[in-house]
Amino acid sequence: MPRPCGIGRPRKKPDSLTGDKAYSSRANRALLRRRQIRTTIPEPRDQQANRKRRGRSGGRPLTFDADHYKRRNQVERGLQPA
Protein backbone atom coordinates (compact mmCIF):
# COMPACT_ATOMS: atom_id res chain seq x y z
CA MET A 1 0.00 0.00 0.00
CA PRO A 2 1.65 3.27 -1.06
CA ARG A 3 2.05 6.09 1.43
CA PRO A 4 -0.23 9.10 0.84
CA CYS A 5 2.58 11.61 0.58
CA GLY A 6 4.97 9.27 -1.28
CA ILE A 7 7.77 9.54 1.32
CA GLY A 8 8.98 6.56 3.34
CA ARG A 9 8.44 2.85 3.09
CA PRO A 10 5.06 1.46 2.04
CA ARG A 11 2.79 0.32 4.86
CA LYS A 12 2.04 -3.38 5.02
CA LYS A 13 0.18 -5.67 7.39
CA PRO A 14 0.30 -9.45 7.58
CA ASP A 15 -2.68 -11.61 6.65
CA SER A 16 -2.16 -13.85 9.67
CA LEU A 17 0.03 -14.23 12.73
CA THR A 18 1.12 -17.41 14.49
CA GLY A 19 2.42 -17.22 18.04
CA ASP A 20 2.88 -19.33 21.12
CA LYS A 21 0.81 -19.28 24.31
CA ALA A 22 2.76 -16.34 25.74
CA TYR A 23 1.10 -14.00 23.19
CA SER A 24 -2.45 -15.06 24.05
CA SER A 25 -3.32 -12.03 26.17
CA ARG A 26 -6.61 -10.22 25.72
CA ALA A 27 -4.81 -7.01 24.73
CA ASN A 28 -2.77 -8.73 21.99
CA ARG A 29 -5.82 -10.46 20.58
CA ALA A 30 -7.86 -7.24 20.64
CA LEU A 31 -5.16 -5.32 18.78
CA LEU A 32 -4.88 -8.00 16.10
CA ARG A 33 -8.67 -8.23 15.78
CA ARG A 34 -8.88 -4.44 15.38
CA ARG A 35 -6.32 -4.60 12.57
CA GLN A 36 -8.19 -7.56 11.01
CA ILE A 37 -5.23 -9.95 11.30
CA ARG A 38 -6.13 -13.61 11.72
CA THR A 39 -4.33 -15.39 14.54
CA THR A 40 -3.22 -18.91 15.34
CA ILE A 41 -2.36 -18.70 19.02
CA PRO A 42 -3.20 -21.56 21.41
CA GLU A 43 -5.19 -20.65 24.49
CA PRO A 44 -3.41 -21.46 27.79
CA ARG A 45 -5.17 -23.85 30.15
CA ASP A 46 -5.72 -21.20 32.81
CA GLN A 47 -7.49 -18.95 30.31
CA GLN A 48 -9.60 -21.89 29.11
CA ALA A 49 -10.56 -22.71 32.70
CA ASN A 50 -11.46 -19.08 33.46
CA ARG A 51 -13.59 -18.86 30.32
CA LYS A 52 -15.40 -22.11 31.12
CA ARG A 53 -15.87 -21.12 34.77
CA ARG A 54 -17.72 -17.98 33.68
CA GLY A 55 -20.15 -20.07 31.65
CA ARG A 56 -22.12 -18.21 29.00
CA SER A 57 -20.58 -14.86 29.87
CA GLY A 58 -17.11 -16.34 29.30
CA GLY A 59 -17.56 -16.09 25.57
CA ARG A 60 -17.00 -18.40 22.69
CA PRO A 61 -13.94 -20.68 22.48
CA LEU A 62 -11.17 -19.26 20.32
CA THR A 63 -10.60 -20.68 16.85
CA PHE A 64 -7.38 -22.61 16.53
CA ASP A 65 -5.91 -24.34 13.47
CA ALA A 66 -3.61 -27.08 14.79
CA ASP A 67 -2.13 -27.87 11.35
CA HIS A 68 -1.18 -24.25 10.79
CA TYR A 69 0.38 -24.10 14.26
CA LYS A 70 2.50 -27.22 13.58
CA ARG A 71 4.09 -25.48 10.60
CA ARG A 72 5.24 -22.70 12.94
CA ASN A 73 7.72 -25.10 14.54
CA GLN A 74 9.20 -26.00 11.15
CA VAL A 75 9.77 -22.34 10.34
CA GLU A 76 11.42 -21.67 13.70
CA ARG A 77 13.81 -24.61 13.29
CA GLY A 78 14.70 -23.42 9.80
CA LEU A 79 15.63 -19.95 11.08
CA GLN A 80 18.03 -21.09 13.84
CA PRO A 81 21.56 -19.68 13.45
CA ALA A 82 24.15 -22.24 12.43
C-alpha atoms as a PDB file:
ATOM      1  CA  MET A   1       0.000   0.000   0.000  1.00  0.00           C
ATOM      2  CA  PRO A   2       1.653   3.268  -1.063  1.00  0.00           C
ATOM      3  CA  ARG A   3       2.053   6.090   1.430  1.00  0.00           C
ATOM      4  CA  PRO A   4      -0.228   9.103   0.836  1.00  0.00           C
ATOM      5  CA  CYS A   5       2.580  11.614   0.582  1.00  0.00           C
ATOM      6  CA  GLY A   6       4.975   9.273  -1.281  1.00  0.00           C
ATOM      7  CA  ILE A   7       7.765   9.538   1.320  1.00  0.00           C
ATOM      8  CA  GLY A   8       8.984   6.562   3.336  1.00  0.00           C
ATOM      9  CA  ARG A   9       8.443   2.850   3.088  1.00  0.00           C
ATOM     10  CA  PRO A  10       5.063   1.457   2.035  1.00  0.00           C
ATOM     11  CA  ARG A  11       2.793   0.318   4.862  1.00  0.00           C
ATOM     12  CA  LYS A  12       2.037  -3.380   5.016  1.00  0.00           C
ATOM     13  CA  LYS A  13       0.182  -5.668   7.391  1.00  0.00           C
ATOM     14  CA  PRO A  14       0.304  -9.446   7.575  1.00  0.00           C
ATOM     15  CA  ASP A  15      -2.676 -11.608   6.649  1.00  0.00           C
ATOM     16  CA  SER A  16      -2.164 -13.851   9.670  1.00  0.00           C
ATOM     17  CA  LEU A  17       0.029 -14.227  12.730  1.00  0.00           C
ATOM     18  CA  THR A  18       1.117 -17.414  14.487  1.00  0.00           C
ATOM     19  CA  GLY A  19       2.421 -17.217  18.039  1.00  0.00           C
ATOM     20  CA  ASP A  20       2.878 -19.327  21.117  1.00  0.00           C
ATOM     21  CA  LYS A  21       0.814 -19.276  24.310  1.00  0.00           C
ATOM     22  CA  ALA A  22       2.764 -16.339  25.736  1.00  0.00           C
ATOM     23  CA  TYR A  23       1.104 -14.001  23.192  1.00  0.00           C
ATOM     24  CA  SER A  24      -2.451 -15.056  24.046  1.00  0.00           C
ATOM     25  CA  SER A  25      -3.316 -12.025  26.173  1.00  0.00           C
ATOM     26  CA  ARG A  26      -6.610 -10.219  25.718  1.00  0.00           C
ATOM     27  CA  ALA A  27      -4.807  -7.011  24.732  1.00  0.00           C
ATOM     28  CA  ASN A  28      -2.772  -8.730  21.989  1.00  0.00           C
ATOM     29  CA  ARG A  29      -5.816 -10.464  20.579  1.00  0.00           C
ATOM     30  CA  ALA A  30      -7.861  -7.243  20.644  1.00  0.00           C
ATOM     31  CA  LEU A  31      -5.159  -5.320  18.776  1.00  0.00           C
ATOM     32  CA  LEU A  32      -4.877  -8.000  16.102  1.00  0.00           C
ATOM     33  CA  ARG A  33      -8.665  -8.227  15.785  1.00  0.00           C
ATOM     34  CA  ARG A  34      -8.877  -4.443  15.385  1.00  0.00           C
ATOM     35  CA  ARG A  35      -6.320  -4.602  12.571  1.00  0.00           C
ATOM     36  CA  GLN A  36      -8.185  -7.564  11.010  1.00  0.00           C
ATOM     37  CA  ILE A  37      -5.230  -9.947  11.305  1.00  0.00           C
ATOM     38  CA  ARG A  38      -6.130 -13.612  11.721  1.00  0.00           C
ATOM     39  CA  THR A  39      -4.334 -15.391  14.543  1.00  0.00           C
ATOM     40  CA  THR A  40      -3.225 -18.909  15.340  1.00  0.00           C
ATOM     41  CA  ILE A  41      -2.359 -18.701  19.022  1.00  0.00           C
ATOM     42  CA  PRO A  42      -3.196 -21.558  21.413  1.00  0.00           C
ATOM     43  CA  GLU A  43      -5.188 -20.649  24.491  1.00  0.00           C
ATOM     44  CA  PRO A  44      -3.406 -21.458  27.786  1.00  0.00           C
ATOM     45  CA  ARG A  45      -5.170 -23.854  30.151  1.00  0.00           C
ATOM     46  CA  ASP A  46      -5.717 -21.204  32.814  1.00  0.00           C
ATOM     47  CA  GLN A  47      -7.488 -18.948  30.307  1.00  0.00           C
ATOM     48  CA  GLN A  48      -9.601 -21.890  29.113  1.00  0.00           C
ATOM     49  CA  ALA A  49     -10.562 -22.707  32.701  1.00  0.00           C
ATOM     50  CA  ASN A  50     -11.461 -19.075  33.460  1.00  0.00           C
ATOM     51  CA  ARG A  51     -13.595 -18.859  30.325  1.00  0.00           C
ATOM     52  CA  LYS A  52     -15.401 -22.115  31.125  1.00  0.00           C
ATOM     53  CA  ARG A  53     -15.874 -21.118  34.766  1.00  0.00           C
ATOM     54  CA  ARG A  54     -17.717 -17.980  33.681  1.00  0.00           C
ATOM     55  CA  GLY A  55     -20.154 -20.070  31.647  1.00  0.00           C
ATOM     56  CA  ARG A  56     -22.116 -18.214  29.003  1.00  0.00           C
ATOM     57  CA  SER A  57     -20.584 -14.863  29.873  1.00  0.00           C
ATOM     58  CA  GLY A  58     -17.109 -16.335  29.304  1.00  0.00           C
ATOM     59  CA  GLY A  59     -17.559 -16.088  25.567  1.00  0.00           C
ATOM     60  CA  ARG A  60     -17.004 -18.399  22.687  1.00  0.00           C
ATOM     61  CA  PRO A  61     -13.943 -20.677  22.479  1.00  0.00           C
ATOM     62  CA  LEU A  62     -11.173 -19.259  20.318  1.00  0.00           C
ATOM     63  CA  THR A  63     -10.604 -20.678  16.854  1.00  0.00           C
ATOM     64  CA  PHE A  64      -7.377 -22.605  16.535  1.00  0.00           C
ATOM     65  CA  ASP A  65      -5.913 -24.337  13.468  1.00  0.00           C
ATOM     66  CA  ALA A  66      -3.609 -27.080  14.790  1.00  0.00           C
ATOM     67  CA  ASP A  67      -2.126 -27.874  11.346  1.00  0.00           C
ATOM     68  CA  HIS A  68      -1.175 -24.247  10.791  1.00  0.00           C
ATOM     69  CA  TYR A  69       0.384 -24.100  14.262  1.00  0.00           C
ATOM     70  CA  LYS A  70       2.495 -27.220  13.584  1.00  0.00           C
ATOM     71  CA  ARG A  71       4.089 -25.478  10.604  1.00  0.00           C
ATOM     72  CA  ARG A  72       5.242 -22.697  12.942  1.00  0.00           C
ATOM     73  CA  ASN A  73       7.715 -25.095  14.542  1.00  0.00           C
ATOM     74  CA  GLN A  74       9.199 -26.004  11.152  1.00  0.00           C
ATOM     75  CA  VAL A  75       9.768 -22.340  10.341  1.00  0.00           C
ATOM     76  CA  GLU A  76      11.416 -21.673  13.704  1.00  0.00           C
ATOM     77  CA  ARG A  77      13.807 -24.610  13.289  1.00  0.00           C
ATOM     78  CA  GLY A  78      14.703 -23.423   9.797  1.00  0.00           C
ATOM     79  CA  LEU A  79      15.631 -19.951  11.083  1.00  0.00           C
ATOM     80  CA  GLN A  80      18.033 -21.091  13.840  1.00  0.00           C
ATOM     81  CA  PRO A  81      21.561 -19.678  13.451  1.00  0.00           C
ATOM     82  CA  ALA A  82      24.150 -22.238  12.428  1.00  0.00           C
END
